[in-house]
Amino acid sequence: MNKMLILSKPTATKEQVMQFIENTKTAHPLCYAIVPMIYDEAIKVGINPVVAVAQSLKETGYFNYKGVLRPNFCNIGGLKGAYGGGDYDPNAHKRFEYWEDGVQAFIDHLALYVGAKGYPKYSAETEMYYKGKGIFYDVNKYKNNGVTLDPRHFTYLFNSIKTVEELSGKWCPAKDYGAEVLKIVKKIENTKVKSNNINNDKAINLAKQLLNELEGK
């Protein structure tokens, strides 16, 4: 059985993704505002956006945030700070100021893992970590690729995986992590779009209101 590449063309449309969200009654309204961001940013770097969306849904509990991550972290991928820490320690996890920052950092981290073109990028937090460890960090080289807010943009992670299945043991120590992400991917791919107007105004407005409240606006 062929494994699923993370760097690939979309395997489902954005309409299918949003229909899947609408069909999933436990999905938080935040999904209507954040999931489209994830889809768009993933495409820009060559990542199958369905994989990125599925992974974020897995990490956040469909954006209900009932685990160690809290909504005001604006962290959609379980990203930790440069120095890491315990999986169940909230202080070990990165807190972003805006949702856009959290989305971009998540996509950059995943793109680093799969060896996307134009990576690694420069990360100020990663530079500080490397300096603290006495490890050389080629600032000019990485700045040529752009800047990222991914705090653990470690160069040794570059091109370390290719498939969804390989997320297990790399992104997350759980052996079934990749399989669980893949299950969500397959559900999205098999979703039939019922209407061209699935992004209903009520849900979108509520999602935007929640975003603003969580960002303190």
N, C-alpha and C. Protein backbone atom coordinates (compact mmCIF):
# COMPACT_ATOMS: atom_id res chain seq x y z
N MET A 1 0.84 -1.21 0.00
CA MET A 1 0.00 0.00 0.00
C MET A 1 0.87 1.25 0.00
N ASN A 2 0.59 2.16 -0.93
CA ASN A 2 1.37 3.38 -1.03
C ASN A 2 1.10 4.31 0.15
N LYS A 3 2.17 4.91 0.68
CA LYS A 3 2.03 5.85 1.77
C LYS A 3 1.71 7.23 1.19
N MET A 4 1.15 8.10 2.00
CA MET A 4 0.68 9.39 1.51
C MET A 4 1.73 10.46 1.68
N LEU A 5 2.15 11.04 0.56
CA LEU A 5 3.13 12.12 0.57
C LEU A 5 2.51 13.39 1.13
N ILE A 6 3.29 14.12 1.91
CA ILE A 6 2.83 15.39 2.45
C ILE A 6 3.03 16.51 1.44
N LEU A 7 4.16 16.47 0.74
CA LEU A 7 4.40 17.42 -0.35
C LEU A 7 3.68 16.90 -1.59
N SER A 8 2.54 17.47 -1.90
CA SER A 8 1.78 17.02 -3.07
C SER A 8 0.66 18.01 -3.36
N LYS A 9 0.00 17.82 -4.47
CA LYS A 9 -1.14 18.66 -4.82
C LYS A 9 -2.30 18.36 -3.87
N PRO A 10 -3.24 19.29 -3.76
CA PRO A 10 -4.40 19.05 -2.90
C PRO A 10 -5.16 17.79 -3.31
N THR A 11 -5.55 17.00 -2.34
CA THR A 11 -6.32 15.79 -2.62
C THR A 11 -7.80 15.99 -2.33
N ALA A 12 -8.17 17.20 -1.96
CA ALA A 12 -9.57 17.59 -1.78
C ALA A 12 -9.64 19.11 -1.92
N THR A 13 -10.79 19.59 -2.33
CA THR A 13 -10.97 21.04 -2.50
C THR A 13 -11.23 21.72 -1.15
N LYS A 14 -11.09 23.03 -1.15
CA LYS A 14 -11.40 23.77 0.07
C LYS A 14 -12.89 23.61 0.41
N GLU A 15 -13.73 23.48 -0.62
CA GLU A 15 -15.16 23.29 -0.39
C GLU A 15 -15.42 21.97 0.32
N GLN A 16 -14.69 20.94 -0.06
CA GLN A 16 -14.83 19.65 0.63
C GLN A 16 -14.40 19.76 2.09
N VAL A 17 -13.30 20.46 2.30
CA VAL A 17 -12.80 20.64 3.67
C VAL A 17 -13.84 21.34 4.53
N MET A 18 -14.41 22.43 4.02
CA MET A 18 -15.37 23.18 4.80
C MET A 18 -16.69 22.43 4.97
N GLN A 19 -17.04 21.62 3.99
CA GLN A 19 -18.23 20.78 4.14
C GLN A 19 -18.01 19.75 5.24
N PHE A 20 -16.79 19.21 5.28
CA PHE A 20 -16.44 18.26 6.34
C PHE A 20 -16.57 18.92 7.71
N ILE A 21 -16.11 20.16 7.81
CA ILE A 21 -16.22 20.90 9.07
C ILE A 21 -17.69 21.07 9.44
N GLU A 22 -18.50 21.45 8.46
CA GLU A 22 -19.92 21.63 8.71
C GLU A 22 -20.59 20.32 9.13
N ASN A 23 -20.16 19.22 8.54
CA ASN A 23 -20.73 17.91 8.86
C ASN A 23 -20.32 17.41 10.25
N THR A 24 -19.18 17.91 10.73
CA THR A 24 -18.64 17.46 12.01
C THR A 24 -19.21 18.33 13.13
N LYS A 25 -20.22 17.82 13.80
CA LYS A 25 -20.96 18.62 14.77
C LYS A 25 -20.10 19.04 15.97
N THR A 26 -19.03 18.31 16.23
CA THR A 26 -18.16 18.66 17.37
C THR A 26 -17.11 19.70 17.00
N ALA A 27 -17.03 20.07 15.72
CA ALA A 27 -16.04 21.07 15.30
C ALA A 27 -16.40 22.44 15.85
N HIS A 28 -15.42 23.12 16.43
CA HIS A 28 -15.65 24.45 17.01
C HIS A 28 -15.83 25.48 15.90
N PRO A 29 -16.65 26.52 16.12
CA PRO A 29 -16.83 27.57 15.12
C PRO A 29 -15.53 28.23 14.66
N LEU A 30 -14.48 28.19 15.51
CA LEU A 30 -13.19 28.74 15.09
C LEU A 30 -12.70 28.15 13.79
N CYS A 31 -13.11 26.92 13.52
CA CYS A 31 -12.68 26.23 12.29
C CYS A 31 -13.01 27.05 11.03
N TYR A 32 -14.15 27.73 11.06
CA TYR A 32 -14.59 28.47 9.88
C TYR A 32 -13.65 29.63 9.53
N ALA A 33 -12.95 30.15 10.52
CA ALA A 33 -12.01 31.25 10.27
C ALA A 33 -10.58 30.77 10.06
N ILE A 34 -10.19 29.72 10.78
CA ILE A 34 -8.78 29.32 10.77
C ILE A 34 -8.46 28.28 9.70
N VAL A 35 -9.36 27.33 9.49
CA VAL A 35 -9.08 26.27 8.52
C VAL A 35 -8.80 26.81 7.11
N PRO A 36 -9.55 27.79 6.61
CA PRO A 36 -9.20 28.34 5.28
C PRO A 36 -7.80 28.93 5.23
N MET A 37 -7.35 29.54 6.34
CA MET A 37 -5.97 30.07 6.40
C MET A 37 -4.96 28.94 6.22
N ILE A 38 -5.19 27.85 6.93
CA ILE A 38 -4.28 26.70 6.86
C ILE A 38 -4.23 26.16 5.45
N TYR A 39 -5.38 26.01 4.84
CA TYR A 39 -5.46 25.48 3.47
C TYR A 39 -4.64 26.35 2.51
N ASP A 40 -4.84 27.65 2.59
CA ASP A 40 -4.15 28.57 1.66
C ASP A 40 -2.65 28.61 1.88
N GLU A 41 -2.22 28.65 3.15
CA GLU A 41 -0.79 28.73 3.44
C GLU A 41 -0.06 27.43 3.06
N ALA A 42 -0.72 26.31 3.22
CA ALA A 42 -0.11 25.03 2.87
C ALA A 42 0.16 24.95 1.37
N ILE A 43 -0.79 25.39 0.58
CA ILE A 43 -0.63 25.36 -0.88
C ILE A 43 0.57 26.18 -1.32
N LYS A 44 0.81 27.32 -0.65
CA LYS A 44 1.90 28.21 -1.03
C LYS A 44 3.27 27.52 -0.97
N VAL A 45 3.42 26.55 -0.07
CA VAL A 45 4.73 25.90 0.09
C VAL A 45 4.75 24.49 -0.49
N GLY A 46 3.67 24.11 -1.16
CA GLY A 46 3.64 22.81 -1.84
C GLY A 46 3.15 21.65 -0.99
N ILE A 47 2.62 21.95 0.20
CA ILE A 47 2.08 20.90 1.07
C ILE A 47 0.64 20.63 0.70
N ASN A 48 0.26 19.36 0.71
CA ASN A 48 -1.14 19.01 0.51
C ASN A 48 -1.94 19.65 1.65
N PRO A 49 -2.79 20.62 1.35
CA PRO A 49 -3.48 21.35 2.41
C PRO A 49 -4.43 20.47 3.23
N VAL A 50 -4.87 19.37 2.65
CA VAL A 50 -5.77 18.47 3.38
C VAL A 50 -5.02 17.82 4.54
N VAL A 51 -3.75 17.51 4.31
CA VAL A 51 -2.92 16.94 5.38
C VAL A 51 -2.72 17.96 6.50
N ALA A 52 -2.39 19.19 6.13
CA ALA A 52 -2.16 20.24 7.13
C ALA A 52 -3.42 20.50 7.95
N VAL A 53 -4.56 20.56 7.28
CA VAL A 53 -5.81 20.77 7.99
C VAL A 53 -6.10 19.61 8.93
N ALA A 54 -5.96 18.40 8.42
CA ALA A 54 -6.23 17.21 9.24
C ALA A 54 -5.34 17.17 10.47
N GLN A 55 -4.07 17.52 10.29
CA GLN A 55 -3.15 17.50 11.43
C GLN A 55 -3.54 18.55 12.46
N SER A 56 -3.94 19.73 12.01
CA SER A 56 -4.34 20.77 12.96
C SER A 56 -5.61 20.38 13.70
N LEU A 57 -6.52 19.70 13.03
CA LEU A 57 -7.74 19.24 13.68
C LEU A 57 -7.41 18.20 14.74
N LYS A 58 -6.46 17.34 14.42
CA LYS A 58 -6.01 16.33 15.38
C LYS A 58 -5.37 16.99 16.59
N GLU A 59 -4.50 17.97 16.36
CA GLU A 59 -3.75 18.62 17.43
C GLU A 59 -4.63 19.45 18.37
N THR A 60 -5.68 20.05 17.83
CA THR A 60 -6.50 20.98 18.61
C THR A 60 -7.84 20.39 19.05
N GLY A 61 -8.10 19.14 18.68
CA GLY A 61 -9.41 18.56 18.99
C GLY A 61 -10.51 19.30 18.25
N TYR A 62 -10.28 19.50 16.95
CA TYR A 62 -11.22 20.26 16.11
C TYR A 62 -11.44 21.66 16.67
N PHE A 63 -10.34 22.24 17.17
CA PHE A 63 -10.27 23.60 17.69
C PHE A 63 -11.13 23.81 18.94
N ASN A 64 -11.42 22.73 19.64
CA ASN A 64 -12.09 22.84 20.94
C ASN A 64 -11.08 23.09 22.06
N TYR A 65 -9.82 22.76 21.81
CA TYR A 65 -8.74 23.02 22.76
C TYR A 65 -9.05 22.53 24.18
N LYS A 66 -9.29 21.25 24.31
CA LYS A 66 -9.57 20.69 25.63
C LYS A 66 -8.35 19.99 26.24
N GLY A 67 -7.21 20.08 25.54
CA GLY A 67 -5.98 19.48 26.05
C GLY A 67 -5.09 20.53 26.69
N VAL A 68 -3.78 20.34 26.55
CA VAL A 68 -2.83 21.28 27.17
C VAL A 68 -2.85 22.64 26.48
N LEU A 69 -3.09 22.68 25.18
CA LEU A 69 -3.16 23.95 24.46
C LEU A 69 -4.47 24.67 24.79
N ARG A 70 -4.39 25.99 24.90
CA ARG A 70 -5.57 26.80 25.12
C ARG A 70 -5.77 27.70 23.90
N PRO A 71 -7.01 28.14 23.63
CA PRO A 71 -7.25 28.96 22.43
C PRO A 71 -6.39 30.21 22.36
N ASN A 72 -6.13 30.85 23.51
CA ASN A 72 -5.36 32.10 23.46
C ASN A 72 -3.88 31.90 23.17
N PHE A 73 -3.45 30.65 23.01
CA PHE A 73 -2.09 30.37 22.55
C PHE A 73 -1.95 30.64 21.06
N CYS A 74 -3.08 30.61 20.33
CA CYS A 74 -3.06 30.74 18.86
C CYS A 74 -2.10 29.71 18.24
N ASN A 75 -2.01 28.56 18.89
CA ASN A 75 -1.09 27.49 18.48
C ASN A 75 -1.92 26.35 17.91
N ILE A 76 -1.77 26.06 16.63
CA ILE A 76 -2.65 25.08 15.99
C ILE A 76 -1.96 23.74 15.74
N GLY A 77 -0.69 23.62 16.13
CA GLY A 77 0.03 22.39 15.81
C GLY A 77 0.77 21.75 16.96
N GLY A 78 0.50 22.21 18.17
CA GLY A 78 1.20 21.64 19.31
C GLY A 78 2.66 22.04 19.38
N LEU A 79 3.01 23.16 18.76
CA LEU A 79 4.41 23.59 18.72
C LEU A 79 4.90 24.01 20.11
N LYS A 80 6.09 23.57 20.45
CA LYS A 80 6.70 23.96 21.71
C LYS A 80 7.70 25.08 21.48
N GLY A 81 8.15 25.68 22.58
CA GLY A 81 9.19 26.69 22.49
C GLY A 81 10.51 26.03 22.13
N ALA A 82 11.52 26.84 21.87
CA ALA A 82 12.82 26.33 21.41
C ALA A 82 13.41 25.30 22.36
N TYR A 83 13.21 25.49 23.65
CA TYR A 83 13.82 24.58 24.63
C TYR A 83 12.93 23.40 24.99
N GLY A 84 11.78 23.31 24.35
CA GLY A 84 10.92 22.16 24.55
C GLY A 84 10.36 22.06 25.96
N GLY A 85 10.10 20.84 26.38
CA GLY A 85 9.51 20.60 27.69
C GLY A 85 8.49 19.50 27.62
N GLY A 86 7.79 19.29 28.71
CA GLY A 86 6.83 18.20 28.79
C GLY A 86 5.61 18.40 27.92
N ASP A 87 5.08 17.30 27.39
CA ASP A 87 3.91 17.36 26.52
C ASP A 87 2.69 17.92 27.24
N TYR A 88 2.64 17.78 28.56
CA TYR A 88 1.48 18.23 29.32
C TYR A 88 1.76 19.50 30.11
N ASP A 89 2.85 20.17 29.75
CA ASP A 89 3.22 21.43 30.41
C ASP A 89 2.83 22.60 29.51
N PRO A 90 1.82 23.37 29.88
CA PRO A 90 1.41 24.50 29.04
C PRO A 90 2.54 25.49 28.78
N ASN A 91 3.41 25.67 29.77
CA ASN A 91 4.51 26.63 29.62
C ASN A 91 5.58 26.18 28.63
N ALA A 92 5.55 24.90 28.27
CA ALA A 92 6.51 24.39 27.29
C ALA A 92 6.07 24.70 25.87
N HIS A 93 4.82 25.08 25.70
CA HIS A 93 4.26 25.30 24.37
C HIS A 93 4.27 26.77 23.98
N LYS A 94 4.50 27.00 22.71
CA LYS A 94 4.63 28.35 22.18
C LYS A 94 3.28 29.08 22.16
N ARG A 95 3.32 30.34 22.57
CA ARG A 95 2.14 31.19 22.52
C ARG A 95 2.37 32.25 21.46
N PHE A 96 1.50 32.30 20.47
CA PHE A 96 1.60 33.28 19.40
C PHE A 96 0.63 34.42 19.66
N GLU A 97 0.99 35.60 19.15
CA GLU A 97 0.15 36.77 19.40
C GLU A 97 -1.11 36.74 18.54
N TYR A 98 -0.96 36.27 17.30
CA TYR A 98 -2.08 36.25 16.38
C TYR A 98 -2.24 34.87 15.76
N TRP A 99 -3.47 34.57 15.33
CA TRP A 99 -3.73 33.27 14.69
C TRP A 99 -2.93 33.11 13.41
N GLU A 100 -2.78 34.20 12.66
CA GLU A 100 -2.01 34.13 11.42
C GLU A 100 -0.57 33.68 11.71
N ASP A 101 -0.02 34.15 12.83
CA ASP A 101 1.33 33.76 13.21
C ASP A 101 1.39 32.27 13.54
N GLY A 102 0.40 31.80 14.27
CA GLY A 102 0.36 30.39 14.62
C GLY A 102 0.22 29.49 13.42
N VAL A 103 -0.61 29.91 12.48
CA VAL A 103 -0.79 29.14 11.25
C VAL A 103 0.51 29.08 10.45
N GLN A 104 1.15 30.25 10.27
CA GLN A 104 2.37 30.30 9.48
C GLN A 104 3.49 29.49 10.12
N ALA A 105 3.62 29.56 11.43
CA ALA A 105 4.66 28.80 12.13
C ALA A 105 4.43 27.30 11.98
N PHE A 106 3.18 26.89 12.08
CA PHE A 106 2.84 25.47 11.91
C PHE A 106 3.19 24.99 10.51
N ILE A 107 2.80 25.75 9.50
CA ILE A 107 3.10 25.37 8.11
C ILE A 107 4.61 25.36 7.87
N ASP A 108 5.33 26.34 8.42
CA ASP A 108 6.78 26.39 8.27
C ASP A 108 7.44 25.18 8.93
N HIS A 109 6.93 24.78 10.08
CA HIS A 109 7.50 23.63 10.79
C HIS A 109 7.29 22.35 9.99
N LEU A 110 6.09 22.19 9.45
CA LEU A 110 5.80 21.00 8.64
C LEU A 110 6.60 21.02 7.34
N ALA A 111 6.72 22.20 6.74
CA ALA A 111 7.49 22.33 5.49
C ALA A 111 8.96 22.00 5.72
N LEU A 112 9.49 22.37 6.88
CA LEU A 112 10.87 22.04 7.23
C LEU A 112 11.05 20.53 7.29
N TYR A 113 10.15 19.87 7.98
CA TYR A 113 10.21 18.42 8.12
C TYR A 113 10.26 17.71 6.77
N VAL A 114 9.43 18.16 5.84
CA VAL A 114 9.32 17.45 4.56
C VAL A 114 10.29 17.95 3.50
N GLY A 115 11.14 18.92 3.85
CA GLY A 115 12.15 19.39 2.91
C GLY A 115 11.62 20.23 1.77
N ALA A 116 10.63 21.07 2.08
CA ALA A 116 10.05 21.92 1.04
C ALA A 116 11.08 22.92 0.51
N LYS A 117 10.92 23.31 -0.74
CA LYS A 117 11.82 24.26 -1.37
C LYS A 117 11.78 25.60 -0.62
N GLY A 118 12.97 26.18 -0.38
CA GLY A 118 13.04 27.47 0.30
C GLY A 118 13.18 27.37 1.81
N TYR A 119 13.45 26.18 2.29
CA TYR A 119 13.64 25.96 3.72
C TYR A 119 15.03 25.37 3.95
N PRO A 120 15.59 25.54 5.16
CA PRO A 120 15.10 26.20 6.36
C PRO A 120 15.07 27.73 6.22
N LYS A 121 14.22 28.36 7.01
CA LYS A 121 14.17 29.80 7.11
C LYS A 121 14.91 30.25 8.38
N TYR A 122 15.01 31.56 8.52
CA TYR A 122 15.64 32.10 9.73
C TYR A 122 14.63 32.20 10.86
N SER A 123 15.00 31.72 12.03
CA SER A 123 14.16 31.80 13.22
C SER A 123 14.98 32.41 14.35
N ALA A 124 14.53 33.53 14.87
CA ALA A 124 15.26 34.21 15.95
C ALA A 124 15.36 33.32 17.19
N GLU A 125 14.29 32.62 17.52
CA GLU A 125 14.33 31.75 18.70
C GLU A 125 15.26 30.57 18.50
N THR A 126 15.29 30.06 17.29
CA THR A 126 16.20 28.95 17.00
C THR A 126 17.65 29.42 17.06
N GLU A 127 17.91 30.64 16.55
CA GLU A 127 19.26 31.18 16.61
C GLU A 127 19.72 31.30 18.06
N MET A 128 18.86 31.80 18.94
CA MET A 128 19.20 31.95 20.35
C MET A 128 19.48 30.59 20.99
N TYR A 129 18.69 29.62 20.63
CA TYR A 129 18.88 28.27 21.16
C TYR A 129 20.22 27.71 20.73
N TYR A 130 20.55 27.85 19.44
CA TYR A 130 21.82 27.33 18.92
C TYR A 130 23.00 28.03 19.58
N LYS A 131 22.90 29.36 19.73
CA LYS A 131 23.99 30.11 20.37
C LYS A 131 24.19 29.65 21.81
N GLY A 132 23.08 29.41 22.49
CA GLY A 132 23.16 28.95 23.87
C GLY A 132 23.83 27.59 24.00
N LYS A 133 23.72 26.80 22.94
CA LYS A 133 24.33 25.47 22.93
C LYS A 133 25.73 25.48 22.30
N GLY A 134 26.14 26.66 21.83
CA GLY A 134 27.45 26.76 21.18
C GLY A 134 27.49 26.14 19.81
N ILE A 135 26.35 26.11 19.13
CA ILE A 135 26.26 25.51 17.80
C ILE A 135 26.20 26.62 16.75
N PHE A 136 26.96 26.48 15.68
CA PHE A 136 26.99 27.49 14.62
C PHE A 136 25.63 27.55 13.92
N TYR A 137 25.18 28.77 13.67
CA TYR A 137 23.90 28.98 12.99
C TYR A 137 24.13 30.00 11.88
N ASP A 138 23.96 29.60 10.64
CA ASP A 138 24.27 30.44 9.48
C ASP A 138 23.12 31.42 9.22
N VAL A 139 23.15 32.53 9.94
CA VAL A 139 22.06 33.50 9.88
C VAL A 139 21.80 33.99 8.47
N ASN A 140 22.83 34.42 7.76
CA ASN A 140 22.66 34.98 6.42
C ASN A 140 22.08 33.96 5.45
N LYS A 141 22.52 32.73 5.56
CA LYS A 141 22.02 31.67 4.67
C LYS A 141 20.53 31.47 4.84
N TYR A 142 20.09 31.38 6.08
CA TYR A 142 18.68 31.10 6.34
C TYR A 142 17.80 32.32 6.10
N LYS A 143 18.35 33.53 6.34
CA LYS A 143 17.57 34.74 6.08
C LYS A 143 17.26 34.90 4.60
N ASN A 144 18.12 34.33 3.75
CA ASN A 144 17.86 34.36 2.31
C ASN A 144 16.58 33.63 1.94
N ASN A 145 16.17 32.70 2.81
CA ASN A 145 14.94 31.95 2.57
C ASN A 145 13.73 32.59 3.23
N GLY A 146 13.96 33.66 3.99
CA GLY A 146 12.87 34.32 4.68
C GLY A 146 12.94 34.11 6.18
N VAL A 147 11.94 34.61 6.87
CA VAL A 147 11.89 34.56 8.34
C VAL A 147 10.67 33.78 8.78
N THR A 148 10.82 33.00 9.84
CA THR A 148 9.71 32.25 10.39
C THR A 148 9.59 32.47 11.89
N LEU A 149 8.39 32.33 12.40
CA LEU A 149 8.14 32.40 13.84
C LEU A 149 8.14 31.01 14.47
N ASP A 150 8.44 30.01 13.69
CA ASP A 150 8.57 28.65 14.21
C ASP A 150 9.74 28.63 15.20
N PRO A 151 9.48 28.39 16.48
CA PRO A 151 10.55 28.48 17.48
C PRO A 151 11.53 27.32 17.46
N ARG A 152 11.11 26.20 16.87
CA ARG A 152 11.96 25.01 16.82
C ARG A 152 12.29 24.66 15.37
N HIS A 153 12.79 25.66 14.66
CA HIS A 153 13.10 25.49 13.24
C HIS A 153 14.51 24.93 13.09
N PHE A 154 14.73 23.79 13.73
CA PHE A 154 16.05 23.19 13.78
C PHE A 154 16.45 22.61 12.43
N THR A 155 17.66 22.97 12.00
CA THR A 155 18.08 22.58 10.65
C THR A 155 18.19 21.07 10.47
N TYR A 156 18.44 20.33 11.54
CA TYR A 156 18.57 18.88 11.40
C TYR A 156 17.24 18.20 11.08
N LEU A 157 16.14 18.93 11.26
CA LEU A 157 14.82 18.38 10.94
C LEU A 157 14.52 18.41 9.44
N PHE A 158 15.29 19.21 8.71
CA PHE A 158 15.02 19.40 7.29
C PHE A 158 15.06 18.08 6.53
N ASN A 159 13.96 17.84 5.79
CA ASN A 159 13.86 16.67 4.91
C ASN A 159 13.95 15.35 5.67
N SER A 160 13.43 15.33 6.90
CA SER A 160 13.53 14.12 7.71
C SER A 160 12.36 13.15 7.53
N ILE A 161 11.26 13.65 6.93
CA ILE A 161 10.14 12.76 6.62
C ILE A 161 9.57 13.14 5.26
N LYS A 162 8.75 12.24 4.71
CA LYS A 162 8.09 12.50 3.43
C LYS A 162 6.59 12.22 3.47
N THR A 163 6.18 11.32 4.37
CA THR A 163 4.79 10.86 4.35
C THR A 163 4.05 11.15 5.65
N VAL A 164 2.73 11.10 5.57
CA VAL A 164 1.89 11.30 6.75
C VAL A 164 2.20 10.24 7.81
N GLU A 165 2.40 9.02 7.35
CA GLU A 165 2.66 7.92 8.28
C GLU A 165 3.92 8.17 9.11
N GLU A 166 4.90 8.86 8.51
CA GLU A 166 6.17 9.11 9.19
C GLU A 166 6.07 10.18 10.27
N LEU A 167 4.94 10.85 10.38
CA LEU A 167 4.75 11.82 11.45
C LEU A 167 4.84 11.14 12.81
N SER A 168 4.44 9.87 12.85
CA SER A 168 4.55 9.07 14.08
C SER A 168 6.02 8.88 14.42
N GLY A 169 6.37 9.23 15.65
CA GLY A 169 7.74 9.06 16.09
C GLY A 169 8.65 10.22 15.73
N LYS A 170 8.16 11.14 14.90
CA LYS A 170 8.96 12.31 14.52
C LYS A 170 8.28 13.57 15.04
N TRP A 171 7.12 13.88 14.51
CA TRP A 171 6.37 15.04 15.00
C TRP A 171 5.81 14.74 16.39
N CYS A 172 5.34 13.52 16.54
CA CYS A 172 4.72 13.08 17.80
C CYS A 172 5.19 11.67 18.11
N PRO A 173 5.51 11.38 19.37
CA PRO A 173 6.01 10.04 19.70
C PRO A 173 4.97 8.93 19.60
N ALA A 174 3.69 9.29 19.60
CA ALA A 174 2.65 8.27 19.53
C ALA A 174 2.73 7.47 18.23
N LYS A 175 2.70 6.17 18.34
CA LYS A 175 2.85 5.30 17.16
C LYS A 175 1.68 5.41 16.18
N ASP A 176 0.51 5.76 16.69
CA ASP A 176 -0.67 5.83 15.83
C ASP A 176 -0.99 7.26 15.36
N TYR A 177 -0.10 8.21 15.66
CA TYR A 177 -0.35 9.61 15.33
C TYR A 177 -0.59 9.79 13.83
N GLY A 178 0.32 9.30 13.02
CA GLY A 178 0.20 9.45 11.57
C GLY A 178 -1.07 8.79 11.05
N ALA A 179 -1.39 7.62 11.57
CA ALA A 179 -2.59 6.90 11.13
C ALA A 179 -3.85 7.68 11.47
N GLU A 180 -3.85 8.34 12.63
CA GLU A 180 -5.02 9.12 13.04
C GLU A 180 -5.19 10.36 12.16
N VAL A 181 -4.08 10.99 11.81
CA VAL A 181 -4.14 12.13 10.88
C VAL A 181 -4.66 11.65 9.53
N LEU A 182 -4.17 10.51 9.08
CA LEU A 182 -4.56 9.97 7.79
C LEU A 182 -6.06 9.64 7.75
N LYS A 183 -6.60 9.17 8.84
CA LYS A 183 -8.05 8.88 8.90
C LYS A 183 -8.86 10.13 8.63
N ILE A 184 -8.42 11.26 9.21
CA ILE A 184 -9.13 12.52 8.99
C ILE A 184 -8.99 12.95 7.53
N VAL A 185 -7.79 12.77 6.98
CA VAL A 185 -7.55 13.10 5.57
C VAL A 185 -8.54 12.35 4.68
N LYS A 186 -8.67 11.05 4.91
CA LYS A 186 -9.54 10.22 4.08
C LYS A 186 -11.00 10.62 4.22
N LYS A 187 -11.40 11.01 5.42
CA LYS A 187 -12.77 11.45 5.62
C LYS A 187 -13.05 12.73 4.83
N ILE A 188 -12.07 13.64 4.83
CA ILE A 188 -12.23 14.88 4.06
C ILE A 188 -12.31 14.57 2.57
N GLU A 189 -11.42 13.70 2.10
CA GLU A 189 -11.40 13.36 0.67
C GLU A 189 -12.70 12.72 0.22
N ASN A 190 -13.36 12.02 1.10
CA ASN A 190 -14.61 11.32 0.75
C ASN A 190 -15.85 12.17 0.99
N THR A 191 -15.66 13.42 1.40
CA THR A 191 -16.80 14.30 1.68
C THR A 191 -17.41 14.82 0.38
N LYS A 192 -18.70 14.75 0.31
CA LYS A 192 -19.44 15.28 -0.84
C LYS A 192 -19.96 16.67 -0.49
N VAL A 193 -19.71 17.62 -1.36
CA VAL A 193 -20.17 18.98 -1.13
C VAL A 193 -21.67 19.07 -1.42
N LYS A 194 -22.42 19.51 -0.44
CA LYS A 194 -23.88 19.57 -0.57
C LYS A 194 -24.35 20.89 -1.18
N SER A 195 -23.56 21.93 -0.96
CA SER A 195 -23.99 23.25 -1.39
C SER A 195 -22.78 24.10 -1.70
N ASN A 196 -22.95 25.07 -2.60
CA ASN A 196 -21.86 26.00 -2.91
C ASN A 196 -21.74 27.09 -1.86
N ASN A 197 -22.69 27.12 -0.91
CA ASN A 197 -22.70 28.17 0.11
C ASN A 197 -22.53 27.56 1.49
N ILE A 198 -21.49 26.73 1.64
CA ILE A 198 -21.30 26.03 2.90
C ILE A 198 -20.70 26.93 3.97
N ASN A 199 -19.99 27.99 3.56
CA ASN A 199 -19.41 28.91 4.54
C ASN A 199 -20.48 29.92 4.97
N ASN A 200 -21.45 29.47 5.74
CA ASN A 200 -22.58 30.34 6.07
C ASN A 200 -22.12 31.54 6.89
N ASP A 201 -22.80 32.65 6.65
CA ASP A 201 -22.40 33.93 7.25
C ASP A 201 -22.42 33.89 8.77
N LYS A 202 -23.41 33.23 9.34
CA LYS A 202 -23.53 33.17 10.79
C LYS A 202 -22.30 32.54 11.42
N ALA A 203 -21.86 31.42 10.85
CA ALA A 203 -20.69 30.72 11.39
C ALA A 203 -19.42 31.54 11.22
N ILE A 204 -19.27 32.16 10.06
CA ILE A 204 -18.08 32.96 9.79
C ILE A 204 -18.01 34.17 10.73
N ASN A 205 -19.13 34.85 10.91
CA ASN A 205 -19.15 36.02 11.80
C ASN A 205 -18.84 35.63 13.24
N LEU A 206 -19.38 34.50 13.69
CA LEU A 206 -19.10 34.03 15.04
C LEU A 206 -17.63 33.69 15.19
N ALA A 207 -17.07 33.05 14.17
CA ALA A 207 -15.66 32.68 14.21
C ALA A 207 -14.78 33.92 14.29
N LYS A 208 -15.08 34.93 13.51
CA LYS A 208 -14.30 36.17 13.53
C LYS A 208 -14.41 36.86 14.88
N GLN A 209 -15.61 36.84 15.45
CA GLN A 209 -15.80 37.44 16.77
C GLN A 209 -14.95 36.73 17.81
N LEU A 210 -14.92 35.40 17.75
CA LEU A 210 -14.11 34.62 18.69
C LEU A 210 -12.63 34.90 18.51
N LEU A 211 -12.20 35.03 17.26
CA LEU A 211 -10.79 35.33 16.98
C LEU A 211 -10.39 36.65 17.63
N ASN A 212 -11.23 37.65 17.44
CA ASN A 212 -10.93 38.97 17.98
C ASN A 212 -10.91 38.97 19.50
N GLU A 213 -11.84 38.24 20.11
CA GLU A 213 -11.89 38.17 21.56
C GLU A 213 -10.63 37.49 22.11
N LEU A 214 -10.22 36.42 21.46
CA LEU A 214 -9.05 35.68 21.93
C LEU A 214 -7.76 36.46 21.74
N GLU A 215 -7.73 37.34 20.74
CA GLU A 215 -6.56 38.16 20.50
C GLU A 215 -6.62 39.47 21.26
N GLY A 216 -7.70 39.66 22.03
CA GLY A 216 -7.82 40.84 22.87
C GLY A 216 -8.18 42.10 22.12
N LYS A 217 -8.85 41.94 20.98
CA LYS A 217 -9.22 43.12 20.18
C LYS A 217 -10.60 43.63 20.58
